Each structure stands twice: as C-alpha cells, then as structure tokens.
Amino acid sequence: MFKTLKHLFSMIAVILVVAAASLAQATTTTQPPADNYVTASGFKNKVFEVKYRDPSSLANVLTRLTSGFKGAGITPNAEFKTLTVRDFPENIATIEEALKRLDTPGAPRPDIELHMHVLLASNAGGAGLDVPAELKDVLAELRGTLNYKNYELAASVVQRLTETSSVLQGNGTAEVSSGNSGVPSVSMPYEYYIRSVSLTANPGGMQSMQIADFAFTSRTGDDRARIQTALNLRDGEKVVVGTATIRNRALIVVLTAKLLK
C-alpha cells in the first residue's frame, strides 16, 4: 500500500510539472508583441504654408521623405494651402528643404486667341461678306471637297482664352443673304460653347491647344444646324471643325488658335 501511494504521488507531481510548463508556454505565446511604432513623445508637428503649388500634389511627393513609422505623415489642406507634417525632427527638416525647392512658381502659360469664322456655302448667288484673305487656302480646299459654287462669310468671332476646365459661352446674330436676288438678307442667330481648354507640347516643344468639347449652333427660321466635336489645334493652324446643312446651304466653322507669348 505504501508503494501504491508513493507511485500515485509521483504521477501527480509529473502532471503538475507538465501543466506548469504548458501554462508558461501559453502565457509566452499570447503575450502581445512589442510596439512597432514610435510613441508621441518621439514626434514633432509643423505646419508649412504652400504658396504656389497644389498641396495634395506636394504631399504625394514629400510622403516618401517621412520616416515610415506608424503615426508619421503629411496632411494637405487645399482651403488654407498648408501641409501639416508629423515626424521626427530630422525628417521634418528634410521635408522643409525639399518643399523650398518644389514650391516655386510654374512657368507662365501663354494666353490663347481663338479666331472663329463661320461660312455659308450655296449654289445661289450671295451678297454676303467676302471671305477674308487668311481663309483663301481653306476656301480652295472646300471648293475641291464640297459641291457648292459660292461661299460667303456669315460671322467672325475672336475669343480670348486661358487654360480652364470651365465652359465658355458666346452668341450673336449674323446677317446673311437670302439666296434670292432682290430679297433682303436674313438674320441667323448663333451660339457656341467651349469646354475644358488645355495646352500640351509634343516632344519637339511645339505647343497645341486641346478642347474637350466645342459646339456651334445656328438657326434660320425653324431650321437649326449644329456642329459639335473635340479637337486639337496647333499654334497658327486653321482647322475646318465641321459642316452642317441648314436649308439649302452648308454651314462651315473654321477655327484658328494663336498662342500669345
């Protein structure tokens, strides 16, 4: 009996040792890992004023100069044109130096002078204005393409533009020949809009103007003609934007862009 009790006590001791070891291992496994970021006391904050560039664009570039630790970062504010930086002092100093080099005035962008000529083509005699000399080459191409004998100038518009994503609108009234001898001229109301103007340059440095949407609409009585398209104009280039039929005539819009340095 004594041997049995001794054996029993030995088994209980072994079980207690194993249980203690398992408990110690479980405690070690579930222990949270050490923090992988710097506490707030290691960081400084600084607000920088942005004078020329877009704060969000600058933040995208300067983010690469942060320490990368959790809690570090750059917050742009478009309303107040600021960048708020939170990081180590040495990283903030590096970002400040980079900001001085990046936040500089951009190269001046030229203004754009857009010349719009509206022509009417017909097979009847016209008493409209003569086509300007600058369109003689365009007129020669039109005569070889369209089956009309006579061309007259219905309207000329000069629109001053800059790069913009907004819509620019205009309207007017042209006095055009009726197409019949001895019959007074008729009024032709028109309107146009230009949406989203931007300048681009090819690898050779030649600039051109891109218009995301151009539309020209005219009316004669109950008849309506509309030309609408996107286009790209090189400096000084004359482009026939499009043609449309109004009654027994063809409405033709020609655009020329001039970049004003």
C-alpha atoms as a PDB file:
ATOM      1  CA  MET A   1       0.000   0.000   0.000  1.00  0.00           C
ATOM      2  CA  PHE A   2       2.848   2.355   0.795  1.00  0.00           C
ATOM      3  CA  LYS A   3       4.365   1.676  -2.610  1.00  0.00           C
ATOM      4  CA  THR A   4       0.993   2.403  -4.270  1.00  0.00           C
ATOM      5  CA  LEU A   5       0.674   5.767  -2.536  1.00  0.00           C
ATOM      6  CA  LYS A   6       4.265   6.640  -3.449  1.00  0.00           C
ATOM      7  CA  HIS A   7       3.611   5.798  -7.069  1.00  0.00           C
ATOM      8  CA  LEU A   8       0.416   7.879  -7.032  1.00  0.00           C
ATOM      9  CA  PHE A   9       2.221  10.895  -5.568  1.00  0.00           C
ATOM     10  CA  SER A  10       4.918  10.581  -8.263  1.00  0.00           C
ATOM     11  CA  MET A  11       2.296  10.639 -11.041  1.00  0.00           C
ATOM     12  CA  ILE A  12       0.613  13.708  -9.532  1.00  0.00           C
ATOM     13  CA  ALA A  13       3.975  15.523  -9.387  1.00  0.00           C
ATOM     14  CA  VAL A  14       4.649  14.766 -13.072  1.00  0.00           C
ATOM     15  CA  ILE A  15       1.207  16.051 -14.064  1.00  0.00           C
ATOM     16  CA  LEU A  16       1.751  19.276 -12.114  1.00  0.00           C
ATOM     17  CA  VAL A  17       5.127  19.862 -13.793  1.00  0.00           C
ATOM     18  CA  VAL A  18       3.678  19.311 -17.274  1.00  0.00           C
ATOM     19  CA  ALA A  19       0.703  21.594 -16.537  1.00  0.00           C
ATOM     20  CA  ALA A  20       3.023  24.336 -15.270  1.00  0.00           C
ATOM     21  CA  ALA A  21       5.168  24.093 -18.395  1.00  0.00           C
ATOM     22  CA  SER A  22       2.087  24.260 -20.679  1.00  0.00           C
ATOM     23  CA  LEU A  23       0.779  27.273 -18.809  1.00  0.00           C
ATOM     24  CA  ALA A  24       4.113  29.062 -19.124  1.00  0.00           C
ATOM     25  CA  GLN A  25       4.213  28.347 -22.869  1.00  0.00           C
ATOM     26  CA  ALA A  26       0.634  29.616 -23.351  1.00  0.00           C
ATOM     27  CA  THR A  27       1.453  32.789 -21.455  1.00  0.00           C
ATOM     28  CA  THR A  28       4.508  33.393 -23.632  1.00  0.00           C
ATOM     29  CA  THR A  29       2.559  32.759 -26.867  1.00  0.00           C
ATOM     30  CA  THR A  30      -0.343  35.090 -26.094  1.00  0.00           C
ATOM     31  CA  GLN A  31       1.855  37.923 -24.865  1.00  0.00           C
ATOM     32  CA  PRO A  32       1.363  40.954 -27.170  1.00  0.00           C
ATOM     33  CA  PRO A  33       4.338  41.842 -29.381  1.00  0.00           C
ATOM     34  CA  ALA A  34       6.351  44.952 -28.690  1.00  0.00           C
ATOM     35  CA  ASP A  35       5.122  48.187 -30.299  1.00  0.00           C
ATOM     36  CA  ASN A  36       6.469  48.665 -33.826  1.00  0.00           C
ATOM     37  CA  TYR A  37       5.930  52.420 -33.845  1.00  0.00           C
ATOM     38  CA  VAL A  38       7.293  55.445 -32.070  1.00  0.00           C
ATOM     39  CA  THR A  39       5.271  56.937 -29.249  1.00  0.00           C
ATOM     40  CA  ALA A  40       4.010  60.511 -29.498  1.00  0.00           C
ATOM     41  CA  SER A  41       6.939  61.844 -27.493  1.00  0.00           C
ATOM     42  CA  GLY A  42       9.289  60.958 -30.372  1.00  0.00           C
ATOM     43  CA  PHE A  43       7.485  63.109 -32.927  1.00  0.00           C
ATOM     44  CA  LYS A  44       7.154  66.827 -33.625  1.00  0.00           C
ATOM     45  CA  ASN A  45       4.488  68.688 -35.607  1.00  0.00           C
ATOM     46  CA  LYS A  46       4.981  71.540 -38.042  1.00  0.00           C
ATOM     47  CA  VAL A  47       2.653  73.395 -40.414  1.00  0.00           C
ATOM     48  CA  PHE A  48       4.065  74.674 -43.720  1.00  0.00           C
ATOM     49  CA  GLU A  49       2.396  77.281 -45.914  1.00  0.00           C
ATOM     50  CA  VAL A  50       2.147  76.392 -49.616  1.00  0.00           C
ATOM     51  CA  LYS A  51       2.462  79.450 -51.865  1.00  0.00           C
ATOM     52  CA  TYR A  52       2.432  78.252 -55.475  1.00  0.00           C
ATOM     53  CA  ARG A  53       1.730  74.541 -55.927  1.00  0.00           C
ATOM     54  CA  ASP A  54      -1.162  72.226 -55.141  1.00  0.00           C
ATOM     55  CA  PRO A  55      -0.862  70.947 -51.524  1.00  0.00           C
ATOM     56  CA  SER A  56      -2.123  67.446 -52.378  1.00  0.00           C
ATOM     57  CA  SER A  57       0.372  67.057 -55.221  1.00  0.00           C
ATOM     58  CA  LEU A  58       3.223  68.170 -52.949  1.00  0.00           C
ATOM     59  CA  ALA A  59       2.090  65.776 -50.216  1.00  0.00           C
ATOM     60  CA  ASN A  60       2.219  62.849 -52.669  1.00  0.00           C
ATOM     61  CA  VAL A  61       5.852  63.656 -53.471  1.00  0.00           C
ATOM     62  CA  LEU A  62       7.042  64.523 -49.954  1.00  0.00           C
ATOM     63  CA  THR A  63       5.480  61.474 -48.293  1.00  0.00           C
ATOM     64  CA  ARG A  64       8.480  59.450 -49.452  1.00  0.00           C
ATOM     65  CA  LEU A  65      10.675  61.573 -47.166  1.00  0.00           C
ATOM     66  CA  THR A  66       8.822  60.642 -43.987  1.00  0.00           C
ATOM     67  CA  SER A  67      10.290  58.108 -41.547  1.00  0.00           C
ATOM     68  CA  GLY A  68       7.687  55.479 -42.330  1.00  0.00           C
ATOM     69  CA  PHE A  69       6.885  54.834 -38.684  1.00  0.00           C
ATOM     70  CA  LYS A  70       3.263  54.491 -37.706  1.00  0.00           C
ATOM     71  CA  GLY A  71       1.864  57.894 -36.836  1.00  0.00           C
ATOM     72  CA  ALA A  72       4.191  59.832 -39.150  1.00  0.00           C
ATOM     73  CA  GLY A  73       2.619  61.573 -42.121  1.00  0.00           C
ATOM     74  CA  ILE A  74       1.778  64.672 -44.151  1.00  0.00           C
ATOM     75  CA  THR A  75      -1.736  66.140 -44.268  1.00  0.00           C
ATOM     76  CA  PRO A  76      -2.547  68.657 -47.052  1.00  0.00           C
ATOM     77  CA  ASN A  77      -5.252  71.306 -46.765  1.00  0.00           C
ATOM     78  CA  ALA A  78      -6.447  72.869 -50.027  1.00  0.00           C
ATOM     79  CA  GLU A  79      -8.576  75.582 -48.352  1.00  0.00           C
ATOM     80  CA  PHE A  80      -5.740  77.057 -46.282  1.00  0.00           C
ATOM     81  CA  LYS A  81      -2.974  75.882 -48.693  1.00  0.00           C
ATOM     82  CA  THR A  82      -0.946  74.199 -45.953  1.00  0.00           C
ATOM     83  CA  LEU A  83       0.922  70.971 -45.250  1.00  0.00           C
ATOM     84  CA  THR A  84       0.891  69.607 -41.701  1.00  0.00           C
ATOM     85  CA  VAL A  85       3.867  67.288 -41.040  1.00  0.00           C
ATOM     86  CA  ARG A  86       4.193  64.929 -38.067  1.00  0.00           C
ATOM     87  CA  ASP A  87       7.500  63.061 -37.787  1.00  0.00           C
ATOM     88  CA  PHE A  88      10.983  63.048 -36.260  1.00  0.00           C
ATOM     89  CA  PRO A  89      12.651  66.489 -36.225  1.00  0.00           C
ATOM     90  CA  GLU A  90      15.297  65.359 -38.733  1.00  0.00           C
ATOM     91  CA  ASN A  91      12.632  64.164 -41.183  1.00  0.00           C
ATOM     92  CA  ILE A  92      10.715  67.414 -40.798  1.00  0.00           C
ATOM     93  CA  ALA A  93      13.905  69.346 -41.598  1.00  0.00           C
ATOM     94  CA  THR A  94      14.450  67.247 -44.752  1.00  0.00           C
ATOM     95  CA  ILE A  95      10.853  67.814 -45.865  1.00  0.00           C
ATOM     96  CA  GLU A  96      11.210  71.562 -45.272  1.00  0.00           C
ATOM     97  CA  GLU A  97      14.288  71.748 -47.523  1.00  0.00           C
ATOM     98  CA  ALA A  98      12.545  69.751 -50.253  1.00  0.00           C
ATOM     99  CA  LEU A  99       9.457  71.966 -50.012  1.00  0.00           C
ATOM    100  CA  LYS A 100      11.583  75.068 -50.652  1.00  0.00           C
ATOM    101  CA  ARG A 101      12.784  73.535 -53.928  1.00  0.00           C
ATOM    102  CA  LEU A 102       9.378  72.246 -55.040  1.00  0.00           C
ATOM    103  CA  ASP A 103       7.008  75.066 -54.045  1.00  0.00           C
ATOM    104  CA  THR A 104       8.079  77.516 -56.754  1.00  0.00           C
ATOM    105  CA  PRO A 105       6.089  79.442 -59.390  1.00  0.00           C
ATOM    106  CA  GLY A 106       5.305  77.421 -62.504  1.00  0.00           C
ATOM    107  CA  ALA A 107       6.378  78.548 -65.949  1.00  0.00           C
ATOM    108  CA  PRO A 108       3.979  81.201 -67.319  1.00  0.00           C
ATOM    109  CA  ARG A 109       1.365  79.722 -69.634  1.00  0.00           C
ATOM    110  CA  PRO A 110       0.507  81.678 -72.794  1.00  0.00           C
ATOM    111  CA  ASP A 111      -2.931  83.112 -73.437  1.00  0.00           C
ATOM    112  CA  ILE A 112      -4.863  81.793 -76.414  1.00  0.00           C
ATOM    113  CA  GLU A 113      -6.592  83.854 -79.080  1.00  0.00           C
ATOM    114  CA  LEU A 114      -9.188  81.765 -80.873  1.00  0.00           C
ATOM    115  CA  HIS A 115     -10.419  83.010 -84.259  1.00  0.00           C
ATOM    116  CA  MET A 116     -13.737  81.526 -85.369  1.00  0.00           C
ATOM    117  CA  HIS A 117     -15.016  82.034 -88.897  1.00  0.00           C
ATOM    118  CA  VAL A 118     -18.497  80.894 -89.907  1.00  0.00           C
ATOM    119  CA  LEU A 119     -19.029  80.323 -93.632  1.00  0.00           C
ATOM    120  CA  LEU A 120     -22.172  79.547 -95.632  1.00  0.00           C
ATOM    121  CA  ALA A 121     -21.869  77.638 -98.886  1.00  0.00           C
ATOM    122  CA  SER A 122     -24.620  77.540-101.524  1.00  0.00           C
ATOM    123  CA  ASN A 123     -25.280  77.242-105.230  1.00  0.00           C
ATOM    124  CA  ALA A 124     -27.152  80.556-105.332  1.00  0.00           C
ATOM    125  CA  GLY A 125     -25.690  83.976-105.776  1.00  0.00           C
ATOM    126  CA  GLY A 126     -24.782  85.536-102.453  1.00  0.00           C
ATOM    127  CA  ALA A 127     -24.457  89.081-101.234  1.00  0.00           C
ATOM    128  CA  GLY A 128     -22.646  88.250 -98.045  1.00  0.00           C
ATOM    129  CA  LEU A 129     -19.312  89.467 -96.827  1.00  0.00           C
ATOM    130  CA  ASP A 130     -16.212  88.452 -98.728  1.00  0.00           C
ATOM    131  CA  VAL A 131     -14.210  85.587 -97.303  1.00  0.00           C
ATOM    132  CA  PRO A 132     -11.114  87.032 -95.532  1.00  0.00           C
ATOM    133  CA  ALA A 133      -7.739  86.587 -97.179  1.00  0.00           C
ATOM    134  CA  GLU A 134      -6.469  84.379 -94.354  1.00  0.00           C
ATOM    135  CA  LEU A 135      -9.059  81.760 -95.394  1.00  0.00           C
ATOM    136  CA  LYS A 136      -8.190  81.646 -99.104  1.00  0.00           C
ATOM    137  CA  ASP A 137      -6.303  78.351 -98.720  1.00  0.00           C
ATOM    138  CA  VAL A 138      -9.159  76.843 -96.713  1.00  0.00           C
ATOM    139  CA  LEU A 139     -11.629  78.028 -99.353  1.00  0.00           C
ATOM    140  CA  ALA A 140      -9.603  76.327-102.090  1.00  0.00           C
ATOM    141  CA  GLU A 141      -9.769  73.030-100.200  1.00  0.00           C
ATOM    142  CA  LEU A 142     -13.508  73.416 -99.600  1.00  0.00           C
ATOM    143  CA  ARG A 143     -14.181  74.015-103.297  1.00  0.00           C
ATOM    144  CA  GLY A 144     -12.380  70.768-104.076  1.00  0.00           C
ATOM    145  CA  THR A 145     -14.336  68.835-101.440  1.00  0.00           C
ATOM    146  CA  LEU A 146     -17.871  70.264-101.315  1.00  0.00           C
ATOM    147  CA  ASN A 147     -20.221  70.598-104.273  1.00  0.00           C
ATOM    148  CA  TYR A 148     -21.062  74.285-103.781  1.00  0.00           C
ATOM    149  CA  LYS A 149     -20.349  77.255-106.054  1.00  0.00           C
ATOM    150  CA  ASN A 150     -20.497  80.220-103.696  1.00  0.00           C
ATOM    151  CA  TYR A 151     -19.098  80.863-100.218  1.00  0.00           C
ATOM    152  CA  GLU A 152     -19.833  83.837 -98.015  1.00  0.00           C
ATOM    153  CA  LEU A 153     -18.706  84.867 -94.543  1.00  0.00           C
ATOM    154  CA  ALA A 154     -21.593  84.764 -92.089  1.00  0.00           C
ATOM    155  CA  ALA A 155     -19.743  85.715 -88.881  1.00  0.00           C
ATOM    156  CA  SER A 156     -16.282  86.186 -87.373  1.00  0.00           C
ATOM    157  CA  VAL A 157     -15.560  85.882 -83.647  1.00  0.00           C
ATOM    158  CA  VAL A 158     -12.343  86.412 -81.689  1.00  0.00           C
ATOM    159  CA  GLN A 159     -12.351  84.715 -78.272  1.00  0.00           C
ATOM    160  CA  ARG A 160      -9.542  85.227 -75.731  1.00  0.00           C
ATOM    161  CA  LEU A 161      -8.898  82.069 -73.681  1.00  0.00           C
ATOM    162  CA  THR A 162      -6.716  80.645 -70.972  1.00  0.00           C
ATOM    163  CA  GLU A 163      -6.407  77.075 -69.740  1.00  0.00           C
ATOM    164  CA  THR A 164      -9.605  76.199 -67.924  1.00  0.00           C
ATOM    165  CA  SER A 165     -11.902  73.283 -67.149  1.00  0.00           C
ATOM    166  CA  SER A 166     -14.954  75.555 -67.197  1.00  0.00           C
ATOM    167  CA  VAL A 167     -17.383  76.224 -70.040  1.00  0.00           C
ATOM    168  CA  LEU A 168     -17.012  79.414 -72.097  1.00  0.00           C
ATOM    169  CA  GLN A 169     -20.098  80.578 -73.979  1.00  0.00           C
ATOM    170  CA  GLY A 170     -20.929  83.196 -76.576  1.00  0.00           C
ATOM    171  CA  ASN A 171     -23.676  84.170 -79.002  1.00  0.00           C
ATOM    172  CA  GLY A 172     -24.513  86.628 -81.746  1.00  0.00           C
ATOM    173  CA  THR A 173     -26.552  87.259 -84.878  1.00  0.00           C
ATOM    174  CA  ALA A 174     -25.282  87.155 -88.438  1.00  0.00           C
ATOM    175  CA  GLU A 175     -26.917  88.877 -91.386  1.00  0.00           C
ATOM    176  CA  VAL A 176     -26.689  86.571 -94.401  1.00  0.00           C
ATOM    177  CA  SER A 177     -28.027  86.778 -97.935  1.00  0.00           C
ATOM    178  CA  SER A 178     -31.415  85.242 -98.580  1.00  0.00           C
ATOM    179  CA  GLY A 179     -30.148  83.396-101.641  1.00  0.00           C
ATOM    180  CA  ASN A 180     -32.611  85.164-103.942  1.00  0.00           C
ATOM    181  CA  SER A 181     -31.812  88.240-105.974  1.00  0.00           C
ATOM    182  CA  GLY A 182     -33.589  91.309-104.692  1.00  0.00           C
ATOM    183  CA  VAL A 183     -34.652  89.647-101.446  1.00  0.00           C
ATOM    184  CA  PRO A 184     -33.294  91.258 -98.252  1.00  0.00           C
ATOM    185  CA  SER A 185     -30.792  89.419 -96.103  1.00  0.00           C
ATOM    186  CA  VAL A 186     -31.987  87.257 -93.231  1.00  0.00           C
ATOM    187  CA  SER A 187     -30.890  87.073 -89.615  1.00  0.00           C
ATOM    188  CA  MET A 188     -29.120  83.955 -88.351  1.00  0.00           C
ATOM    189  CA  PRO A 189     -28.798  83.780 -84.547  1.00  0.00           C
ATOM    190  CA  TYR A 190     -25.964  81.584 -83.347  1.00  0.00           C
ATOM    191  CA  GLU A 191     -24.414  80.426 -80.101  1.00  0.00           C
ATOM    192  CA  TYR A 192     -21.301  78.473 -79.189  1.00  0.00           C
ATOM    193  CA  TYR A 193     -19.620  76.960 -76.193  1.00  0.00           C
ATOM    194  CA  ILE A 194     -16.103  75.745 -75.450  1.00  0.00           C
ATOM    195  CA  ARG A 195     -15.498  73.324 -72.587  1.00  0.00           C
ATOM    196  CA  SER A 196     -12.171  72.421 -70.958  1.00  0.00           C
ATOM    197  CA  VAL A 197      -9.220  74.104 -72.680  1.00  0.00           C
ATOM    198  CA  SER A 198      -5.681  72.837 -72.047  1.00  0.00           C
ATOM    199  CA  LEU A 199      -2.226  73.301 -73.556  1.00  0.00           C
ATOM    200  CA  THR A 200       0.080  70.411 -74.415  1.00  0.00           C
ATOM    201  CA  ALA A 201       3.521  70.170 -76.002  1.00  0.00           C
ATOM    202  CA  ASN A 202       4.949  67.493 -78.283  1.00  0.00           C
ATOM    203  CA  PRO A 203       8.499  66.098 -77.803  1.00  0.00           C
ATOM    204  CA  GLY A 204       9.814  68.875 -80.052  1.00  0.00           C
ATOM    205  CA  GLY A 205       8.372  71.564 -77.775  1.00  0.00           C
ATOM    206  CA  MET A 206       5.618  72.674 -80.169  1.00  0.00           C
ATOM    207  CA  GLN A 207       2.515  73.618 -78.191  1.00  0.00           C
ATOM    208  CA  SER A 208      -1.073  72.931 -79.153  1.00  0.00           C
ATOM    209  CA  MET A 209      -4.480  73.659 -77.678  1.00  0.00           C
ATOM    210  CA  GLN A 210      -6.875  70.858 -76.782  1.00  0.00           C
ATOM    211  CA  ILE A 211     -10.625  71.479 -76.489  1.00  0.00           C
ATOM    212  CA  ALA A 212     -12.581  68.682 -74.842  1.00  0.00           C
ATOM    213  CA  ASP A 213     -15.889  69.827 -76.346  1.00  0.00           C
ATOM    214  CA  PHE A 214     -16.711  72.534 -78.906  1.00  0.00           C
ATOM    215  CA  ALA A 215     -20.243  73.203 -80.155  1.00  0.00           C
ATOM    216  CA  PHE A 216     -21.700  75.753 -82.568  1.00  0.00           C
ATOM    217  CA  THR A 217     -25.452  76.083 -83.180  1.00  0.00           C
ATOM    218  CA  SER A 218     -27.273  78.404 -85.605  1.00  0.00           C
ATOM    219  CA  ARG A 219     -30.897  78.951 -86.619  1.00  0.00           C
ATOM    220  CA  THR A 220     -32.680  80.299 -89.652  1.00  0.00           C
ATOM    221  CA  GLY A 221     -36.416  80.357 -89.158  1.00  0.00           C
ATOM    222  CA  ASP A 222     -37.419  76.928 -87.951  1.00  0.00           C
ATOM    223  CA  ASP A 223     -34.241  75.302 -89.293  1.00  0.00           C
ATOM    224  CA  ARG A 224     -31.395  74.507 -86.955  1.00  0.00           C
ATOM    225  CA  ALA A 225     -27.822  73.365 -87.612  1.00  0.00           C
ATOM    226  CA  ARG A 226     -25.314  72.154 -85.039  1.00  0.00           C
ATOM    227  CA  ILE A 227     -21.619  71.229 -85.148  1.00  0.00           C
ATOM    228  CA  GLN A 228     -20.082  69.548 -82.123  1.00  0.00           C
ATOM    229  CA  THR A 229     -16.701  67.857 -81.631  1.00  0.00           C
ATOM    230  CA  ALA A 230     -13.484  67.640 -79.613  1.00  0.00           C
ATOM    231  CA  LEU A 231     -10.381  68.963 -81.319  1.00  0.00           C
ATOM    232  CA  ASN A 232      -6.684  69.735 -81.108  1.00  0.00           C
ATOM    233  CA  LEU A 233      -5.275  72.940 -82.653  1.00  0.00           C
ATOM    234  CA  ARG A 234      -1.609  73.706 -83.236  1.00  0.00           C
ATOM    235  CA  ASP A 235      -0.404  77.277 -82.953  1.00  0.00           C
ATOM    236  CA  GLY A 236      -1.457  79.164 -86.109  1.00  0.00           C
ATOM    237  CA  GLU A 237      -3.184  76.141 -87.670  1.00  0.00           C
ATOM    238  CA  LYS A 238      -6.530  76.628 -89.466  1.00  0.00           C
ATOM    239  CA  VAL A 239      -8.955  73.736 -88.964  1.00  0.00           C
ATOM    240  CA  VAL A 240     -12.347  73.104 -90.538  1.00  0.00           C
ATOM    241  CA  VAL A 241     -14.193  71.949 -87.423  1.00  0.00           C
ATOM    242  CA  GLY A 242     -17.197  70.586 -89.294  1.00  0.00           C
ATOM    243  CA  THR A 243     -20.096  71.204 -91.642  1.00  0.00           C
ATOM    244  CA  ALA A 244     -23.864  71.026 -91.215  1.00  0.00           C
ATOM    245  CA  THR A 245     -26.808  71.578 -93.553  1.00  0.00           C
ATOM    246  CA  ILE A 246     -29.239  74.417 -92.945  1.00  0.00           C
ATOM    247  CA  ARG A 247     -31.970  74.712 -95.569  1.00  0.00           C
ATOM    248  CA  ASN A 248     -30.230  74.557 -98.947  1.00  0.00           C
ATOM    249  CA  ARG A 249     -26.841  75.636 -97.619  1.00  0.00           C
ATOM    250  CA  ALA A 250     -23.856  74.229 -95.830  1.00  0.00           C
ATOM    251  CA  LEU A 251     -22.744  75.780 -92.559  1.00  0.00           C
ATOM    252  CA  ILE A 252     -18.958  75.591 -92.105  1.00  0.00           C
ATOM    253  CA  VAL A 253     -16.974  76.529 -88.999  1.00  0.00           C
ATOM    254  CA  VAL A 254     -13.225  77.241 -89.250  1.00  0.00           C
ATOM    255  CA  LEU A 255     -11.063  77.729 -86.136  1.00  0.00           C
ATOM    256  CA  THR A 256      -7.560  79.150 -85.783  1.00  0.00           C
ATOM    257  CA  ALA A 257      -5.653  79.216 -82.488  1.00  0.00           C
ATOM    258  CA  LYS A 258      -2.870  81.718 -81.813  1.00  0.00           C
ATOM    259  CA  LEU A 259      -0.737  81.421 -78.690  1.00  0.00           C
ATOM    260  CA  LEU A 260       0.136  84.801 -77.208  1.00  0.00           C
ATOM    261  CA  LYS A 261       3.550  84.660 -75.538  1.00  0.00           C
END
